[in-house]
PDB file of N, CA and C in Angstrom:
ATOM      1  N   UNK A   1       4.764-281.135 145.467  1.00  0.00           N
ATOM      2  CA  UNK A   1       4.458-279.743 145.727  1.00  0.00           C
ATOM      3  C   UNK A   1       5.687-278.886 145.415  1.00  0.00           C
ATOM      4  N   UNK A   2       5.461-277.803 144.724  1.00  0.00           N
ATOM      5  CA  UNK A   2       6.529-276.890 144.321  1.00  0.00           C
ATOM      6  C   UNK A   2       6.784-275.876 145.432  1.00  0.00           C
ATOM      7  N   UNK A   3       8.057-275.716 145.811  1.00  0.00           N
ATOM      8  CA  UNK A   3       8.423-274.736 146.835  1.00  0.00           C
ATOM      9  C   UNK A   3       8.678-273.404 146.148  1.00  0.00           C
ATOM     10  N   UNK A   4       8.083-272.352 146.692  1.00  0.00           N
ATOM     11  CA  UNK A   4       8.219-271.011 146.123  1.00  0.00           C
ATOM     12  C   UNK A   4       9.666-270.534 146.221  1.00  0.00           C
ATOM     13  N   UNK A   5      10.119-269.695 145.275  1.00  0.00           N
ATOM     14  CA  UNK A   5      11.524-269.271 145.227  1.00  0.00           C
ATOM     15  C   UNK A   5      12.055-268.653 146.519  1.00  0.00           C
ATOM     16  N   UNK A   6      11.300-267.785 147.167  1.00  0.00           N
ATOM     17  CA  UNK A   6      11.778-267.135 148.391  1.00  0.00           C
ATOM     18  C   UNK A   6      12.028-268.180 149.468  1.00  0.00           C
ATOM     19  N   UNK A   7      11.101-269.105 149.635  1.00  0.00           N
ATOM     20  CA  UNK A   7      11.243-270.167 150.641  1.00  0.00           C
ATOM     21  C   UNK A   7      12.402-271.077 150.287  1.00  0.00           C
ATOM     22  N   UNK A   8      12.505-271.439 149.020  1.00  0.00           N
ATOM     23  CA  UNK A   8      13.578-272.337 148.576  1.00  0.00           C
ATOM     24  C   UNK A   8      14.954-271.728 148.826  1.00  0.00           C
ATOM     25  N   UNK A   9      15.123-270.466 148.501  1.00  0.00           N
ATOM     26  CA  UNK A   9      16.411-269.794 148.692  1.00  0.00           C
ATOM     27  C   UNK A   9      16.735-269.664 150.174  1.00  0.00           C
ATOM     28  N   UNK A  10      15.736-269.311 150.977  1.00  0.00           N
ATOM     29  CA  UNK A  10      15.953-269.187 152.427  1.00  0.00           C
ATOM     30  C   UNK A  10      16.396-270.519 153.018  1.00  0.00           C
ATOM     31  N   UNK A  11      15.721-271.598 152.646  1.00  0.00           N
ATOM     32  CA  UNK A  11      16.086-272.925 153.163  1.00  0.00           C
ATOM     33  C   UNK A  11      17.496-273.317 152.736  1.00  0.00           C
ATOM     34  N   UNK A  12      17.852-272.993 151.506  1.00  0.00           N
ATOM     35  CA  UNK A  12      19.205-273.307 151.018  1.00  0.00           C
ATOM     36  C   UNK A  12      20.261-272.555 151.828  1.00  0.00           C
ATOM     37  N   UNK A  13      20.021-271.277 152.094  1.00  0.00           N
ATOM     38  CA  UNK A  13      20.964-270.483 152.881  1.00  0.00           C
ATOM     39  C   UNK A  13      21.069-271.006 154.309  1.00  0.00           C
ATOM     40  N   UNK A  14      19.948-271.488 154.861  1.00  0.00           N
ATOM     41  CA  UNK A  14      19.976-272.076 156.198  1.00  0.00           C
ATOM     42  C   UNK A  14      20.781-273.367 156.203  1.00  0.00           C
ATOM     43  N   UNK A  15      20.585-274.211 155.204  1.00  0.00           N
ATOM     44  CA  UNK A  15      21.328-275.467 155.117  1.00  0.00           C
ATOM     45  C   UNK A  15      22.828-275.224 154.963  1.00  0.00           C
ATOM     46  N   UNK A  16      23.182-274.123 154.296  1.00  0.00           N
ATOM     47  CA  UNK A  16      24.586-273.773 154.099  1.00  0.00           C
ATOM     48  C   UNK A  16      25.186-273.093 155.329  1.00  0.00           C
ATOM     49  N   UNK A  17      24.335-272.812 156.315  1.00  0.00           N
ATOM     50  CA  UNK A  17      24.807-272.173 157.532  1.00  0.00           C
ATOM     51  C   UNK A  17      25.041-270.677 157.392  1.00  0.00           C
ATOM     52  N   UNK A  18      24.530-270.094 156.305  1.00  0.00           N
ATOM     53  CA  UNK A  18      24.734-268.663 156.068  1.00  0.00           C
ATOM     54  C   UNK A  18      23.735-267.802 156.827  1.00  0.00           C
ATOM     55  N   UNK A  19      22.570-268.369 157.138  1.00  0.00           N
ATOM     56  CA  UNK A  19      21.605-267.692 158.000  1.00  0.00           C
ATOM     57  C   UNK A  19      21.092-268.725 159.001  1.00  0.00           C
ATOM     58  N   UNK A  20      20.794-268.294 160.230  1.00  0.00           N
ATOM     59  CA  UNK A  20      20.333-269.259 161.234  1.00  0.00           C
ATOM     60  C   UNK A  20      18.915-269.749 160.950  1.00  0.00           C
ATOM     61  N   UNK A  21      18.602-270.929 161.477  1.00  0.00           N
ATOM     62  CA  UNK A  21      17.254-271.475 161.325  1.00  0.00           C
ATOM     63  C   UNK A  21      16.207-270.568 161.960  1.00  0.00           C
ATOM     64  N   UNK A  22      16.619-269.784 162.948  1.00  0.00           N
ATOM     65  CA  UNK A  22      15.688-268.911 163.660  1.00  0.00           C
ATOM     66  C   UNK A  22      15.455-267.576 162.952  1.00  0.00           C
ATOM     67  N   UNK A  23      16.117-267.353 161.816  1.00  0.00           N
ATOM     68  CA  UNK A  23      15.980-266.077 161.103  1.00  0.00           C
ATOM     69  C   UNK A  23      14.547-265.879 160.627  1.00  0.00           C
ATOM     70  N   UNK A  24      14.059-264.637 160.777  1.00  0.00           N
ATOM     71  CA  UNK A  24      12.712-264.333 160.273  1.00  0.00           C
ATOM     72  C   UNK A  24      12.781-264.253 158.755  1.00  0.00           C
ATOM     73  N   UNK A  25      11.684-264.587 158.070  1.00  0.00           N
ATOM     74  CA  UNK A  25      11.690-264.475 156.608  1.00  0.00           C
ATOM     75  C   UNK A  25      11.759-263.009 156.185  1.00  0.00           C
ATOM     76  N   UNK A  26      12.615-262.711 155.234  1.00  0.00           N
ATOM     77  CA  UNK A  26      12.746-261.335 154.747  1.00  0.00           C
ATOM     78  C   UNK A  26      11.488-260.933 153.992  1.00  0.00           C
ATOM     79  N   UNK A  27      11.038-261.792 153.109  1.00  0.00           N
ATOM     80  CA  UNK A  27       9.847-261.524 152.305  1.00  0.00           C
ATOM     81  C   UNK A  27       8.840-262.651 152.457  1.00  0.00           C
ATOM     82  N   UNK A  28       7.576-262.287 152.464  1.00  0.00           N
ATOM     83  CA  UNK A  28       6.487-263.258 152.461  1.00  0.00           C
ATOM     84  C   UNK A  28       5.602-262.933 151.268  1.00  0.00           C
ATOM     85  N   UNK A  29       5.356-263.927 150.445  1.00  0.00           N
ATOM     86  CA  UNK A  29       4.506-263.720 149.270  1.00  0.00           C
ATOM     87  C   UNK A  29       3.064-263.476 149.698  1.00  0.00           C
ATOM     88  N   UNK A  30       2.407-262.582 149.006  1.00  0.00           N
ATOM     89  CA  UNK A  30       1.002-262.269 149.242  1.00  0.00           C
ATOM     90  C   UNK A  30       0.206-262.712 148.014  1.00  0.00           C
ATOM     91  N   UNK A  31      -0.968-263.296 148.256  1.00  0.00           N
ATOM     92  CA  UNK A  31      -1.819-263.778 147.177  1.00  0.00           C
ATOM     93  C   UNK A  31      -3.194-263.143 147.299  1.00  0.00           C
ATOM     94  N   UNK A  32      -3.778-262.787 146.171  1.00  0.00           N
ATOM     95  CA  UNK A  32      -5.113-262.174 146.170  1.00  0.00           C
ATOM     96  C   UNK A  32      -6.201-263.191 146.475  1.00  0.00           C
ATOM     97  N   UNK A  33      -6.174-264.316 145.804  1.00  0.00           N
ATOM     98  CA  UNK A  33      -7.252-265.306 145.918  1.00  0.00           C
ATOM     99  C   UNK A  33      -6.706-266.691 146.230  1.00  0.00           C
ATOM    100  N   UNK A  34      -5.883-266.812 147.245  1.00  0.00           N
ATOM    101  CA  UNK A  34      -5.307-268.103 147.592  1.00  0.00           C
ATOM    102  C   UNK A  34      -4.082-268.401 146.760  1.00  0.00           C
ATOM    103  N   UNK A  35      -3.592-269.642 146.835  1.00  0.00           N
ATOM    104  CA  UNK A  35      -2.376-270.010 146.099  1.00  0.00           C
ATOM    105  C   UNK A  35      -2.510-269.742 144.599  1.00  0.00           C
ATOM    106  N   UNK A  36      -1.423-269.453 143.993  1.00  0.00           N
ATOM    107  CA  UNK A  36      -1.396-269.152 142.560  1.00  0.00           C
ATOM    108  C   UNK A  36      -0.420-268.030 142.298  1.00  0.00           C
ATOM    109  N   UNK A  37      -0.830-267.113 141.499  1.00  0.00           N
ATOM    110  CA  UNK A  37       0.021-265.996 141.121  1.00  0.00           C
ATOM    111  C   UNK A  37       0.223-265.043 142.309  1.00  0.00           C
ATOM    112  N   UNK A  38       1.471-264.631 142.515  1.00  0.00           N
ATOM    113  CA  UNK A  38       1.799-263.721 143.609  1.00  0.00           C
ATOM    114  C   UNK A  38       1.273-262.327 143.308  1.00  0.00           C
ATOM    115  N   UNK A  39       0.635-261.730 144.295  1.00  0.00           N
ATOM    116  CA  UNK A  39       0.090-260.377 144.184  1.00  0.00           C
ATOM    117  C   UNK A  39       1.144-259.345 144.584  1.00  0.00           C
ATOM    118  N   UNK A  40       1.987-259.705 145.537  1.00  0.00           N
ATOM    119  CA  UNK A  40       3.030-258.808 146.028  1.00  0.00           C
ATOM    120  C   UNK A  40       3.789-259.500 147.148  1.00  0.00           C
ATOM    121  N   UNK A  41       4.650-258.745 147.818  1.00  0.00           N
ATOM    122  CA  UNK A  41       5.445-259.294 148.905  1.00  0.00           C
ATOM    123  C   UNK A  41       5.353-258.388 150.116  1.00  0.00           C
ATOM    124  N   UNK A  42       5.432-259.001 151.288  1.00  0.00           N
ATOM    125  CA  UNK A  42       5.420-258.267 152.552  1.00  0.00           C
ATOM    126  C   UNK A  42       6.784-258.441 153.215  1.00  0.00           C
ATOM    127  N   UNK A  43       7.328-257.358 153.735  1.00  0.00           N
ATOM    128  CA  UNK A  43       8.588-257.390 154.477  1.00  0.00           C
ATOM    129  C   UNK A  43       8.251-257.650 155.944  1.00  0.00           C
ATOM    130  N   UNK A  44       9.014-258.516 156.583  1.00  0.00           N
ATOM    131  CA  UNK A  44       8.779-258.809 157.993  1.00  0.00           C
ATOM    132  C   UNK A  44       8.927-257.516 158.804  1.00  0.00           C
ATOM    133  N   UNK A  45       8.007-257.240 159.739  1.00  0.00           N
ATOM    134  CA  UNK A  45       8.040-255.990 160.509  1.00  0.00           C
ATOM    135  C   UNK A  45       9.350-255.738 161.255  1.00  0.00           C
ATOM    136  N   UNK A  46      10.027-256.789 161.694  1.00  0.00           N
ATOM    137  CA  UNK A  46      11.305-256.599 162.394  1.00  0.00           C
ATOM    138  C   UNK A  46      12.394-256.064 161.471  1.00  0.00           C
ATOM    139  N   UNK A  47      12.233-256.280 160.168  1.00  0.00           N
ATOM    140  CA  UNK A  47      13.256-255.870 159.210  1.00  0.00           C
ATOM    141  C   UNK A  47      12.981-254.503 158.596  1.00  0.00           C
ATOM    142  N   UNK A  48      11.777-253.997 158.748  1.00  0.00           N
ATOM    143  CA  UNK A  48      11.423-252.711 158.143  1.00  0.00           C
ATOM    144  C   UNK A  48      12.367-251.582 158.561  1.00  0.00           C
ATOM    145  N   UNK A  49      12.733-251.439 159.851  1.00  0.00           N
ATOM    146  CA  UNK A  49      13.668-250.364 160.217  1.00  0.00           C
ATOM    147  C   UNK A  49      15.027-250.502 159.530  1.00  0.00           C
ATOM    148  N   UNK A  50      15.507-251.729 159.370  1.00  0.00           N
ATOM    149  CA  UNK A  50      16.802-251.932 158.699  1.00  0.00           C
ATOM    150  C   UNK A  50      16.730-251.497 157.243  1.00  0.00           C
ATOM    151  N   UNK A  51      15.640-251.833 156.589  1.00  0.00           N
ATOM    152  CA  UNK A  51      15.466-251.464 155.182  1.00  0.00           C
ATOM    153  C   UNK A  51      15.328-249.955 155.049  1.00  0.00           C
ATOM    154  N   UNK A  52      14.560-249.348 155.944  1.00  0.00           N
ATOM    155  CA  UNK A  52      14.396-247.894 155.907  1.00  0.00           C
ATOM    156  C   UNK A  52      15.725-247.183 156.151  1.00  0.00           C
ATOM    157  N   UNK A  53      16.522-247.678 157.104  1.00  0.00           N
ATOM    158  CA  UNK A  53      17.835-247.081 157.377  1.00  0.00           C
ATOM    159  C   UNK A  53      18.754-247.213 156.166  1.00  0.00           C
ATOM    160  N   UNK A  54      18.727-248.370 155.512  1.00  0.00           N
ATOM    161  CA  UNK A  54      19.560-248.575 154.324  1.00  0.00           C
ATOM    162  C   UNK A  54      19.147-247.643 153.212  1.00  0.00           C
ATOM    163  N   UNK A  55      17.843-247.435 153.063  1.00  0.00           N
ATOM    164  CA  UNK A  55      17.339-246.523 152.032  1.00  0.00           C
ATOM    165  C   UNK A  55      17.787-245.091 152.319  1.00  0.00           C
ATOM    166  N   UNK A  56      17.733-244.687 153.583  1.00  0.00           N
ATOM    167  CA  UNK A  56      18.162-243.346 153.962  1.00  0.00           C
ATOM    168  C   UNK A  56      19.664-243.169 153.733  1.00  0.00           C
ATOM    169  N   UNK A  57      20.455-244.221 153.980  1.00  0.00           N
ATOM    170  CA  UNK A  57      21.895-244.156 153.724  1.00  0.00           C
ATOM    171  C   UNK A  57      22.175-243.946 152.252  1.00  0.00           C
ATOM    172  N   UNK A  58      21.398-244.599 151.385  1.00  0.00           N
ATOM    173  CA  UNK A  58      21.569-244.453 149.938  1.00  0.00           C
ATOM    174  C   UNK A  58      21.270-243.026 149.506  1.00  0.00           C
ATOM    175  N   UNK A  59      20.265-242.403 150.110  1.00  0.00           N
ATOM    176  CA  UNK A  59      19.895-241.042 149.742  1.00  0.00           C
ATOM    177  C   UNK A  59      20.950-240.033 150.187  1.00  0.00           C
ATOM    178  N   UNK A  60      21.672-240.332 151.298  1.00  0.00           N
ATOM    179  CA  UNK A  60      22.691-239.445 151.815  1.00  0.00           C
ATOM    180  C   UNK A  60      23.973-239.497 150.996  1.00  0.00           C
ATOM    181  N   UNK A  61      24.160-240.549 150.205  1.00  0.00           N
ATOM    182  CA  UNK A  61      25.396-240.732 149.435  1.00  0.00           C
ATOM    183  C   UNK A  61      25.416-239.881 148.195  1.00  0.00           C
TER     184      UNK A  61
END
């Protein structure tokens, strides 16, 4: 079974100790009709405020 890139990278960072095992996934792949081609990505709800704040900081610069 092939591991998707987002999952593979997250697991690698966890193994390297760069992010904790308890970290929420930043992105989750979305599929239209089950496994196959990715339709889009969903940001974890806990991270949305951080992303929005970062975007607002970029606009202020």
